[in-house]
Amino acid sequence: MQVTVLCSPAPREVLERVVMLEEGATVRDAVQASGLLSILPTDWSAASFGIWGRKVGIHDIVRDGDRVEIYRPLLVDPKLARRERFKGQGGRTGGLFAGGQNRRGR
């Protein structure tokens, strides 16, 4: 069966490999057959995996035509990053709070 394995080692960079596997192969088999983890510069031991955008375990079975995705570990908590971006934009100086009054005129 044919399975596609993808990973993104950096923002806006995607590596893709198509591998042929036997029936009953697992996500781990697909990732190993792709060789992607061995060519990446960072330690991917904390990586997680998905099939078509749904998180799966390394021992889950893949099917013909599946797209196995390797997710790199997060470097920053997404909620914290959003808070920091909001602070950098000036907090209450934009959007709904612009002009010093809310829509009810208070």
PDB file of N, CA and C in Angstrom:
ATOM      1  N   MET A   1       0.842  -1.181   0.000  1.00  0.00           N
ATOM      2  CA  MET A   1       0.000   0.000   0.000  1.00  0.00           C
ATOM      3  C   MET A   1       0.887   1.244   0.000  1.00  0.00           C
ATOM      4  N   GLN A   2       0.339   2.330  -0.457  1.00  0.00           N
ATOM      5  CA  GLN A   2       1.082   3.586  -0.576  1.00  0.00           C
ATOM      6  C   GLN A   2       0.632   4.561   0.504  1.00  0.00           C
ATOM      7  N   VAL A   3       1.606   5.141   1.216  1.00  0.00           N
ATOM      8  CA  VAL A   3       1.339   6.095   2.286  1.00  0.00           C
ATOM      9  C   VAL A   3       2.268   7.292   2.093  1.00  0.00           C
ATOM     10  N   THR A   4       1.760   8.491   2.324  1.00  0.00           N
ATOM     11  CA  THR A   4       2.571   9.712   2.241  1.00  0.00           C
ATOM     12  C   THR A   4       2.924  10.153   3.650  1.00  0.00           C
ATOM     13  N   VAL A   5       4.184  10.493   3.862  1.00  0.00           N
ATOM     14  CA  VAL A   5       4.652  10.970   5.167  1.00  0.00           C
ATOM     15  C   VAL A   5       5.155  12.396   4.986  1.00  0.00           C
ATOM     16  N   LEU A   6       4.686  13.302   5.842  1.00  0.00           N
ATOM     17  CA  LEU A   6       5.072  14.718   5.763  1.00  0.00           C
ATOM     18  C   LEU A   6       5.564  15.221   7.100  1.00  0.00           C
ATOM     19  N   CYS A   7       6.455  16.198   7.036  1.00  0.00           N
ATOM     20  CA  CYS A   7       6.849  16.932   8.239  1.00  0.00           C
ATOM     21  C   CYS A   7       7.263  18.331   7.827  1.00  0.00           C
ATOM     22  N   SER A   8       7.238  19.217   8.809  1.00  0.00           N
ATOM     23  CA  SER A   8       7.620  20.601   8.574  1.00  0.00           C
ATOM     24  C   SER A   8       8.724  20.960   9.560  1.00  0.00           C
ATOM     25  N   PRO A   9       9.978  20.882   9.137  1.00  0.00           N
ATOM     26  CA  PRO A   9      11.072  21.170  10.056  1.00  0.00           C
ATOM     27  C   PRO A   9      11.179  22.646  10.444  1.00  0.00           C
ATOM     28  N   ALA A  10      10.601  23.524   9.642  1.00  0.00           N
ATOM     29  CA  ALA A  10      10.628  24.964   9.911  1.00  0.00           C
ATOM     30  C   ALA A  10       9.370  25.588   9.308  1.00  0.00           C
ATOM     31  N   PRO A  11       9.002  26.780   9.768  1.00  0.00           N
ATOM     32  CA  PRO A  11       7.822  27.438   9.188  1.00  0.00           C
ATOM     33  C   PRO A  11       7.944  27.566   7.671  1.00  0.00           C
ATOM     34  N   ARG A  12       6.864  27.309   6.978  1.00  0.00           N
ATOM     35  CA  ARG A  12       6.757  27.396   5.517  1.00  0.00           C
ATOM     36  C   ARG A  12       7.712  26.457   4.780  1.00  0.00           C
ATOM     37  N   GLU A  13       8.112  25.381   5.427  1.00  0.00           N
ATOM     38  CA  GLU A  13       8.953  24.368   4.789  1.00  0.00           C
ATOM     39  C   GLU A  13       8.333  23.000   5.063  1.00  0.00           C
ATOM     40  N   VAL A  14       8.025  22.250   4.004  1.00  0.00           N
ATOM     41  CA  VAL A  14       7.398  20.938   4.154  1.00  0.00           C
ATOM     42  C   VAL A  14       8.202  19.904   3.378  1.00  0.00           C
ATOM     43  N   LEU A  15       8.501  18.797   4.048  1.00  0.00           N
ATOM     44  CA  LEU A  15       9.167  17.673   3.402  1.00  0.00           C
ATOM     45  C   LEU A  15       8.148  16.555   3.254  1.00  0.00           C
ATOM     46  N   GLU A  16       8.143  15.905   2.101  1.00  0.00           N
ATOM     47  CA  GLU A  16       7.145  14.875   1.819  1.00  0.00           C
ATOM     48  C   GLU A  16       7.815  13.673   1.181  1.00  0.00           C
ATOM     49  N   ARG A  17       7.448  12.483   1.654  1.00  0.00           N
ATOM     50  CA  ARG A  17       7.951  11.243   1.080  1.00  0.00           C
ATOM     51  C   ARG A  17       6.785  10.282   0.892  1.00  0.00           C
ATOM     52  N   VAL A  18       6.760   9.607  -0.231  1.00  0.00           N
ATOM     53  CA  VAL A  18       5.778   8.557  -0.482  1.00  0.00           C
ATOM     54  C   VAL A  18       6.487   7.229  -0.276  1.00  0.00           C
ATOM     55  N   VAL A  19       5.895   6.364   0.564  1.00  0.00           N
ATOM     56  CA  VAL A  19       6.503   5.074   0.873  1.00  0.00           C
ATOM     57  C   VAL A  19       5.527   3.949   0.562  1.00  0.00           C
ATOM     58  N   MET A  20       6.076   2.803   0.244  1.00  0.00           N
ATOM     59  CA  MET A  20       5.279   1.596   0.018  1.00  0.00           C
ATOM     60  C   MET A  20       5.437   0.704   1.244  1.00  0.00           C
ATOM     61  N   LEU A  21       4.317   0.260   1.804  1.00  0.00           N
ATOM     62  CA  LEU A  21       4.323  -0.544   3.025  1.00  0.00           C
ATOM     63  C   LEU A  21       3.448  -1.778   2.857  1.00  0.00           C
ATOM     64  N   GLU A  22       3.688  -2.754   3.704  1.00  0.00           N
ATOM     65  CA  GLU A  22       2.860  -3.960   3.745  1.00  0.00           C
ATOM     66  C   GLU A  22       1.582  -3.673   4.526  1.00  0.00           C
ATOM     67  N   GLU A  23       0.532  -4.435   4.256  1.00  0.00           N
ATOM     68  CA  GLU A  23      -0.713  -4.319   5.030  1.00  0.00           C
ATOM     69  C   GLU A  23      -0.401  -4.556   6.498  1.00  0.00           C
ATOM     70  N   GLY A  24      -1.056  -3.813   7.385  1.00  0.00           N
ATOM     71  CA  GLY A  24      -0.838  -3.957   8.819  1.00  0.00           C
ATOM     72  C   GLY A  24       0.295  -3.098   9.353  1.00  0.00           C
ATOM     73  N   ALA A  25       0.900  -2.273   8.503  1.00  0.00           N
ATOM     74  CA  ALA A  25       1.989  -1.401   8.934  1.00  0.00           C
ATOM     75  C   ALA A  25       1.458  -0.324   9.878  1.00  0.00           C
ATOM     76  N   THR A  26       2.330   0.158  10.736  1.00  0.00           N
ATOM     77  CA  THR A  26       1.957   1.178  11.719  1.00  0.00           C
ATOM     78  C   THR A  26       2.513   2.543  11.318  1.00  0.00           C
ATOM     79  N   VAL A  27       2.109   3.550  12.067  1.00  0.00           N
ATOM     80  CA  VAL A  27       2.633   4.897  11.858  1.00  0.00           C
ATOM     81  C   VAL A  27       4.151   4.875  12.001  1.00  0.00           C
ATOM     82  N   ARG A  28       4.632   4.151  12.981  1.00  0.00           N
ATOM     83  CA  ARG A  28       6.077   4.034  13.201  1.00  0.00           C
ATOM     84  C   ARG A  28       6.774   3.465  11.969  1.00  0.00           C
ATOM     85  N   ASP A  29       6.197   2.420  11.373  1.00  0.00           N
ATOM     86  CA  ASP A  29       6.771   1.817  10.163  1.00  0.00           C
ATOM     87  C   ASP A  29       6.852   2.841   9.034  1.00  0.00           C
ATOM     88  N   ALA A  30       5.781   3.615   8.878  1.00  0.00           N
ATOM     89  CA  ALA A  30       5.732   4.616   7.807  1.00  0.00           C
ATOM     90  C   ALA A  30       6.801   5.689   8.014  1.00  0.00           C
ATOM     91  N   VAL A  31       6.926   6.165   9.251  1.00  0.00           N
ATOM     92  CA  VAL A  31       7.904   7.213   9.559  1.00  0.00           C
ATOM     93  C   VAL A  31       9.320   6.690   9.342  1.00  0.00           C
ATOM     94  N   GLN A  32       9.588   5.475   9.789  1.00  0.00           N
ATOM     95  CA  GLN A  32      10.919   4.894   9.600  1.00  0.00           C
ATOM     96  C   GLN A  32      11.221   4.688   8.124  1.00  0.00           C
ATOM     97  N   ALA A  33      10.246   4.217   7.367  1.00  0.00           N
ATOM     98  CA  ALA A  33      10.449   3.982   5.933  1.00  0.00           C
ATOM     99  C   ALA A  33      10.702   5.287   5.179  1.00  0.00           C
ATOM    100  N   SER A  34      10.131   6.380   5.653  1.00  0.00           N
ATOM    101  CA  SER A  34      10.309   7.675   4.974  1.00  0.00           C
ATOM    102  C   SER A  34      11.728   8.205   5.127  1.00  0.00           C
ATOM    103  N   GLY A  35      12.381   7.871   6.230  1.00  0.00           N
ATOM    104  CA  GLY A  35      13.719   8.378   6.488  1.00  0.00           C
ATOM    105  C   GLY A  35      13.764   9.842   6.883  1.00  0.00           C
ATOM    106  N   LEU A  36      12.616  10.464   7.085  1.00  0.00           N
ATOM    107  CA  LEU A  36      12.584  11.902   7.379  1.00  0.00           C
ATOM    108  C   LEU A  36      13.224  12.254   8.717  1.00  0.00           C
ATOM    109  N   LEU A  37      13.007  11.447   9.729  1.00  0.00           N
ATOM    110  CA  LEU A  37      13.543  11.793  11.046  1.00  0.00           C
ATOM    111  C   LEU A  37      15.068  11.791  11.055  1.00  0.00           C
ATOM    112  N   SER A  38      15.678  10.967  10.234  1.00  0.00           N
ATOM    113  CA  SER A  38      17.139  10.890  10.236  1.00  0.00           C
ATOM    114  C   SER A  38      17.795  12.080   9.518  1.00  0.00           C
ATOM    115  N   ILE A  39      17.054  12.772   8.657  1.00  0.00           N
ATOM    116  CA  ILE A  39      17.657  13.901   7.934  1.00  0.00           C
ATOM    117  C   ILE A  39      17.354  15.253   8.571  1.00  0.00           C
ATOM    118  N   LEU A  40      16.544  15.258   9.618  1.00  0.00           N
ATOM    119  CA  LEU A  40      16.177  16.511  10.267  1.00  0.00           C
ATOM    120  C   LEU A  40      17.216  16.899  11.305  1.00  0.00           C
ATOM    121  N   PRO A  41      17.510  18.192  11.422  1.00  0.00           N
ATOM    122  CA  PRO A  41      18.578  18.640  12.309  1.00  0.00           C
ATOM    123  C   PRO A  41      18.240  18.622  13.796  1.00  0.00           C
ATOM    124  N   THR A  42      16.969  18.620  14.156  1.00  0.00           N
ATOM    125  CA  THR A  42      16.600  18.701  15.567  1.00  0.00           C
ATOM    126  C   THR A  42      16.215  17.335  16.119  1.00  0.00           C
ATOM    127  N   ASP A  43      16.118  17.255  17.438  1.00  0.00           N
ATOM    128  CA  ASP A  43      15.710  16.028  18.115  1.00  0.00           C
ATOM    129  C   ASP A  43      14.188  15.924  18.057  1.00  0.00           C
ATOM    130  N   TRP A  44      13.692  14.918  17.400  1.00  0.00           N
ATOM    131  CA  TRP A  44      12.255  14.749  17.217  1.00  0.00           C
ATOM    132  C   TRP A  44      11.680  13.702  18.162  1.00  0.00           C
ATOM    133  N   SER A  45      12.366  13.395  19.259  1.00  0.00           N
ATOM    134  CA  SER A  45      11.871  12.375  20.183  1.00  0.00           C
ATOM    135  C   SER A  45      10.555  12.798  20.842  1.00  0.00           C
ATOM    136  N   ALA A  46      10.294  14.091  20.930  1.00  0.00           N
ATOM    137  CA  ALA A  46       9.062  14.591  21.542  1.00  0.00           C
ATOM    138  C   ALA A  46       7.978  14.876  20.498  1.00  0.00           C
ATOM    139  N   ALA A  47       8.218  14.488  19.270  1.00  0.00           N
ATOM    140  CA  ALA A  47       7.246  14.757  18.202  1.00  0.00           C
ATOM    141  C   ALA A  47       5.972  13.940  18.423  1.00  0.00           C
ATOM    142  N   SER A  48       4.882  14.427  17.865  1.00  0.00           N
ATOM    143  CA  SER A  48       3.637  13.679  17.855  1.00  0.00           C
ATOM    144  C   SER A  48       3.254  13.437  16.403  1.00  0.00           C
ATOM    145  N   PHE A  49       2.232  12.604  16.192  1.00  0.00           N
ATOM    146  CA  PHE A  49       1.903  12.162  14.847  1.00  0.00           C
ATOM    147  C   PHE A  49       0.406  12.264  14.595  1.00  0.00           C
ATOM    148  N   GLY A  50       0.063  12.411  13.318  1.00  0.00           N
ATOM    149  CA  GLY A  50      -1.331  12.461  12.933  1.00  0.00           C
ATOM    150  C   GLY A  50      -1.537  11.803  11.588  1.00  0.00           C
ATOM    151  N   ILE A  51      -2.780  11.437  11.326  1.00  0.00           N
ATOM    152  CA  ILE A  51      -3.172  10.940  10.007  1.00  0.00           C
ATOM    153  C   ILE A  51      -4.298  11.845   9.537  1.00  0.00           C
ATOM    154  N   TRP A  52      -4.065  12.548   8.434  1.00  0.00           N
ATOM    155  CA  TRP A  52      -5.024  13.501   7.876  1.00  0.00           C
ATOM    156  C   TRP A  52      -5.497  14.493   8.934  1.00  0.00           C
ATOM    157  N   GLY A  53      -4.570  15.020   9.764  1.00  0.00           N
ATOM    158  CA  GLY A  53      -4.900  16.063  10.720  1.00  0.00           C
ATOM    159  C   GLY A  53      -5.464  15.587  12.039  1.00  0.00           C
ATOM    160  N   ARG A  54      -5.622  14.285  12.220  1.00  0.00           N
ATOM    161  CA  ARG A  54      -6.123  13.743  13.487  1.00  0.00           C
ATOM    162  C   ARG A  54      -4.975  13.092  14.228  1.00  0.00           C
ATOM    163  N   LYS A  55      -4.773  13.475  15.468  1.00  0.00           N
ATOM    164  CA  LYS A  55      -3.662  12.955  16.249  1.00  0.00           C
ATOM    165  C   LYS A  55      -3.829  11.450  16.455  1.00  0.00           C
ATOM    166  N   VAL A  56      -2.733  10.715  16.246  1.00  0.00           N
ATOM    167  CA  VAL A  56      -2.728   9.260  16.419  1.00  0.00           C
ATOM    168  C   VAL A  56      -1.484   8.853  17.195  1.00  0.00           C
ATOM    169  N   GLY A  57      -1.482   7.618  17.635  1.00  0.00           N
ATOM    170  CA  GLY A  57      -0.328   7.063  18.321  1.00  0.00           C
ATOM    171  C   GLY A  57       0.637   6.433  17.332  1.00  0.00           C
ATOM    172  N   ILE A  58       1.840   6.219  17.774  1.00  0.00           N
ATOM    173  CA  ILE A  58       2.892   5.667  16.924  1.00  0.00           C
ATOM    174  C   ILE A  58       2.586   4.224  16.509  1.00  0.00           C
ATOM    175  N   HIS A  59       1.743   3.534  17.267  1.00  0.00           N
ATOM    176  CA  HIS A  59       1.442   2.129  16.980  1.00  0.00           C
ATOM    177  C   HIS A  59       0.116   1.937  16.238  1.00  0.00           C
ATOM    178  N   ASP A  60      -0.530   3.023  15.841  1.00  0.00           N
ATOM    179  CA  ASP A  60      -1.780   2.920  15.076  1.00  0.00           C
ATOM    180  C   ASP A  60      -1.490   2.394  13.667  1.00  0.00           C
ATOM    181  N   ILE A  61      -2.430   1.663  13.141  1.00  0.00           N
ATOM    182  CA  ILE A  61      -2.306   1.067  11.808  1.00  0.00           C
ATOM    183  C   ILE A  61      -2.627   2.110  10.738  1.00  0.00           C
ATOM    184  N   VAL A  62      -1.840   2.121   9.664  1.00  0.00           N
ATOM    185  CA  VAL A  62      -2.112   3.017   8.533  1.00  0.00           C
ATOM    186  C   VAL A  62      -2.817   2.234   7.435  1.00  0.00           C
ATOM    187  N   ARG A  63      -3.536   2.968   6.594  1.00  0.00           N
ATOM    188  CA  ARG A  63      -4.244   2.358   5.463  1.00  0.00           C
ATOM    189  C   ARG A  63      -3.732   2.946   4.162  1.00  0.00           C
ATOM    190  N   ASP A  64      -4.028   2.285   3.099  1.00  0.00           N
ATOM    191  CA  ASP A  64      -3.604   2.741   1.776  1.00  0.00           C
ATOM    192  C   ASP A  64      -4.152   4.152   1.523  1.00  0.00           C
ATOM    193  N   GLY A  65      -3.275   5.042   1.088  1.00  0.00           N
ATOM    194  CA  GLY A  65      -3.671   6.411   0.783  1.00  0.00           C
ATOM    195  C   GLY A  65      -3.607   7.369   1.955  1.00  0.00           C
ATOM    196  N   ASP A  66      -3.257   6.880   3.152  1.00  0.00           N
ATOM    197  CA  ASP A  66      -3.173   7.766   4.321  1.00  0.00           C
ATOM    198  C   ASP A  66      -2.057   8.785   4.158  1.00  0.00           C
ATOM    199  N   ARG A  67      -2.228   9.906   4.839  1.00  0.00           N
ATOM    200  CA  ARG A  67      -1.191  10.933   4.911  1.00  0.00           C
ATOM    201  C   ARG A  67      -0.766  11.032   6.369  1.00  0.00           C
ATOM    202  N   VAL A  68       0.420  10.522   6.666  1.00  0.00           N
ATOM    203  CA  VAL A  68       0.963  10.549   8.025  1.00  0.00           C
ATOM    204  C   VAL A  68       1.717  11.854   8.202  1.00  0.00           C
ATOM    205  N   GLU A  69       1.392  12.578   9.264  1.00  0.00           N
ATOM    206  CA  GLU A  69       2.005  13.875   9.524  1.00  0.00           C
ATOM    207  C   GLU A  69       2.837  13.791  10.800  1.00  0.00           C
ATOM    208  N   ILE A  70       4.044  14.322  10.743  1.00  0.00           N
ATOM    209  CA  ILE A  70       4.916  14.383  11.905  1.00  0.00           C
ATOM    210  C   ILE A  70       4.868  15.817  12.416  1.00  0.00           C
ATOM    211  N   TYR A  71       4.424  15.981  13.663  1.00  0.00           N
ATOM    212  CA  TYR A  71       4.288  17.314  14.238  1.00  0.00           C
ATOM    213  C   TYR A  71       5.488  17.608  15.129  1.00  0.00           C
ATOM    214  N   ARG A  72       6.190  18.712  14.849  1.00  0.00           N
ATOM    215  CA  ARG A  72       7.344  19.066  15.676  1.00  0.00           C
ATOM    216  C   ARG A  72       6.842  19.566  17.026  1.00  0.00           C
ATOM    217  N   PRO A  73       7.665  19.402  18.061  1.00  0.00           N
ATOM    218  CA  PRO A  73       7.261  19.875  19.387  1.00  0.00           C
ATOM    219  C   PRO A  73       7.129  21.398  19.414  1.00  0.00           C
ATOM    220  N   LEU A  74       6.190  21.887  20.191  1.00  0.00           N
ATOM    221  CA  LEU A  74       5.992  23.334  20.318  1.00  0.00           C
ATOM    222  C   LEU A  74       7.117  23.937  21.141  1.00  0.00           C
ATOM    223  N   LEU A  75       7.625  25.061  20.706  1.00  0.00           N
ATOM    224  CA  LEU A  75       8.675  25.763  21.444  1.00  0.00           C
ATOM    225  C   LEU A  75       8.087  26.742  22.442  1.00  0.00           C
ATOM    226  N   VAL A  76       6.877  27.236  22.160  1.00  0.00           N
ATOM    227  CA  VAL A  76       6.214  28.221  23.010  1.00  0.00           C
ATOM    228  C   VAL A  76       4.750  27.822  23.133  1.00  0.00           C
ATOM    229  N   ASP A  77       4.189  28.028  24.314  1.00  0.00           N
ATOM    230  CA  ASP A  77       2.767  27.781  24.525  1.00  0.00           C
ATOM    231  C   ASP A  77       1.964  28.735  23.630  1.00  0.00           C
ATOM    232  N   PRO A  78       1.059  28.223  22.772  1.00  0.00           N
ATOM    233  CA  PRO A  78       0.314  29.095  21.850  1.00  0.00           C
ATOM    234  C   PRO A  78      -0.480  30.206  22.556  1.00  0.00           C
ATOM    235  N   LYS A  79      -1.040  29.915  23.731  1.00  0.00           N
ATOM    236  CA  LYS A  79      -1.798  30.940  24.456  1.00  0.00           C
ATOM    237  C   LYS A  79      -0.877  32.073  24.918  1.00  0.00           C
ATOM    238  N   LEU A  80       0.288  31.709  25.410  1.00  0.00           N
ATOM    239  CA  LEU A  80       1.254  32.711  25.845  1.00  0.00           C
ATOM    240  C   LEU A  80       1.724  33.552  24.658  1.00  0.00           C
ATOM    241  N   ALA A  81       1.991  32.912  23.528  1.00  0.00           N
ATOM    242  CA  ALA A  81       2.439  33.642  22.340  1.00  0.00           C
ATOM    243  C   ALA A  81       1.373  34.635  21.886  1.00  0.00           C
ATOM    244  N   ARG A  82       0.119  34.243  21.934  1.00  0.00           N
ATOM    245  CA  ARG A  82      -0.966  35.140  21.530  1.00  0.00           C
ATOM    246  C   ARG A  82      -1.052  36.343  22.471  1.00  0.00           C
ATOM    247  N   ARG A  83      -0.935  36.084  23.778  1.00  0.00           N
ATOM    248  CA  ARG A  83      -0.948  37.176  24.750  1.00  0.00           C
ATOM    249  C   ARG A  83       0.177  38.166  24.493  1.00  0.00           C
ATOM    250  N   GLU A  84       1.362  37.643  24.198  1.00  0.00           N
ATOM    251  CA  GLU A  84       2.510  38.507  23.940  1.00  0.00           C
ATOM    252  C   GLU A  84       2.307  39.326  22.663  1.00  0.00           C
ATOM    253  N   ARG A  85       1.738  38.722  21.622  1.00  0.00           N
ATOM    254  CA  ARG A  85       1.455  39.471  20.385  1.00  0.00           C
ATOM    255  C   ARG A  85       0.445  40.571  20.660  1.00  0.00           C
ATOM    256  N   PHE A  86      -0.572  40.275  21.454  1.00  0.00           N
ATOM    257  CA  PHE A  86      -1.600  41.257  21.777  1.00  0.00           C
ATOM    258  C   PHE A  86      -0.987  42.429  22.542  1.00  0.00           C
ATOM    259  N   LYS A  87      -0.101  42.125  23.500  1.00  0.00           N
ATOM    260  CA  LYS A  87       0.590  43.179  24.248  1.00  0.00           C
ATOM    261  C   LYS A  87       1.410  44.050  23.313  1.00  0.00           C
ATOM    262  N   GLY A  88       2.080  43.434  22.361  1.00  0.00           N
ATOM    263  CA  GLY A  88       2.920  44.155  21.419  1.00  0.00           C
ATOM    264  C   GLY A  88       2.132  45.046  20.476  1.00  0.00           C
ATOM    265  N   GLN A  89       0.838  44.747  20.314  1.00  0.00           N
ATOM    266  CA  GLN A  89       0.000  45.549  19.426  1.00  0.00           C
ATOM    267  C   GLN A  89      -0.612  46.742  20.152  1.00  0.00           C
ATOM    268  N   GLY A  90      -0.307  46.896  21.406  1.00  0.00           N
ATOM    269  CA  GLY A  90      -0.814  48.054  22.126  1.00  0.00           C
ATOM    270  C   GLY A  90      -1.999  47.768  23.005  1.00  0.00           C
ATOM    271  N   GLY A  91      -2.362  46.525  23.182  1.00  0.00           N
ATOM    272  CA  GLY A  91      -3.448  46.184  24.103  1.00  0.00           C
ATOM    273  C   GLY A  91      -4.771  46.791  23.705  1.00  0.00           C
ATOM    274  N   ARG A  92      -5.228  47.750  24.462  1.00  0.00           N
ATOM    275  CA  ARG A  92      -6.560  48.327  24.267  1.00  0.00           C
ATOM    276  C   ARG A  92      -6.585  49.507  23.305  1.00  0.00           C
ATOM    277  N   THR A  93      -5.550  49.718  22.525  1.00  0.00           N
ATOM    278  CA  THR A  93      -5.528  50.876  21.631  1.00  0.00           C
ATOM    279  C   THR A  93      -6.068  50.571  20.239  1.00  0.00           C
ATOM    280  N   GLY A  94      -6.478  49.349  20.005  1.00  0.00           N
ATOM    281  CA  GLY A  94      -6.972  49.021  18.674  1.00  0.00           C
ATOM    282  C   GLY A  94      -8.264  48.228  18.749  1.00  0.00           C
ATOM    283  N   GLY A  95      -8.819  47.943  17.626  1.00  0.00           N
ATOM    284  CA  GLY A  95     -10.019  47.116  17.551  1.00  0.00           C
ATOM    285  C   GLY A  95     -11.232  47.771  18.166  1.00  0.00           C
ATOM    286  N   LEU A  96     -11.994  46.998  18.936  1.00  0.00           N
ATOM    287  CA  LEU A  96     -13.227  47.491  19.544  1.00  0.00           C
ATOM    288  C   LEU A  96     -12.988  48.590  20.573  1.00  0.00           C
ATOM    289  N   PHE A  97     -11.786  48.661  21.135  1.00  0.00           N
ATOM    290  CA  PHE A  97     -11.511  49.619  22.199  1.00  0.00           C
ATOM    291  C   PHE A  97     -10.898  50.922  21.693  1.00  0.00           C
ATOM    292  N   ALA A  98     -10.782  51.074  20.406  1.00  0.00           N
ATOM    293  CA  ALA A  98     -10.205  52.300  19.842  1.00  0.00           C
ATOM    294  C   ALA A  98     -11.138  53.481  20.110  1.00  0.00           C
ATOM    295  N   GLY A  99     -10.593  54.638  20.353  1.00  0.00           N
ATOM    296  CA  GLY A  99     -11.393  55.844  20.549  1.00  0.00           C
ATOM    297  C   GLY A  99     -11.747  56.130  21.987  1.00  0.00           C
ATOM    298  N   GLY A 100     -11.433  55.226  22.926  1.00  0.00           N
ATOM    299  CA  GLY A 100     -11.639  55.507  24.337  1.00  0.00           C
ATOM    300  C   GLY A 100     -13.041  55.245  24.849  1.00  0.00           C
ATOM    301  N   GLN A 101     -14.024  55.013  24.000  1.00  0.00           N
ATOM    302  CA  GLN A 101     -15.373  54.735  24.464  1.00  0.00           C
ATOM    303  C   GLN A 101     -15.859  53.452  23.814  1.00  0.00           C
ATOM    304  N   ASN A 102     -16.737  52.771  24.525  1.00  0.00           N
ATOM    305  CA  ASN A 102     -17.319  51.587  23.903  1.00  0.00           C
ATOM    306  C   ASN A 102     -18.539  52.003  23.088  1.00  0.00           C
ATOM    307  N   ARG A 103     -19.190  51.102  22.490  1.00  0.00           N
ATOM    308  CA  ARG A 103     -20.283  51.416  21.564  1.00  0.00           C
ATOM    309  C   ARG A 103     -21.519  51.993  22.247  1.00  0.00           C
ATOM    310  N   ARG A 104     -21.646  51.857  23.545  1.00  0.00           N
ATOM    311  CA  ARG A 104     -22.816  52.380  24.240  1.00  0.00           C
ATOM    312  C   ARG A 104     -22.597  53.827  24.685  1.00  0.00           C
ATOM    313  N   GLY A 105     -21.429  54.382  24.426  1.00  0.00           N
ATOM    314  CA  GLY A 105     -21.182  55.779  24.743  1.00  0.00           C
ATOM    315  C   GLY A 105     -20.783  56.038  26.175  1.00  0.00           C
ATOM    316  N   ARG A 106     -20.391  55.045  26.905  1.00  0.00           N
ATOM    317  CA  ARG A 106     -19.985  55.225  28.309  1.00  0.00           C
ATOM    318  C   ARG A 106     -18.632  55.828  28.413  1.00  0.00           C
TER     319      ARG A 106
END
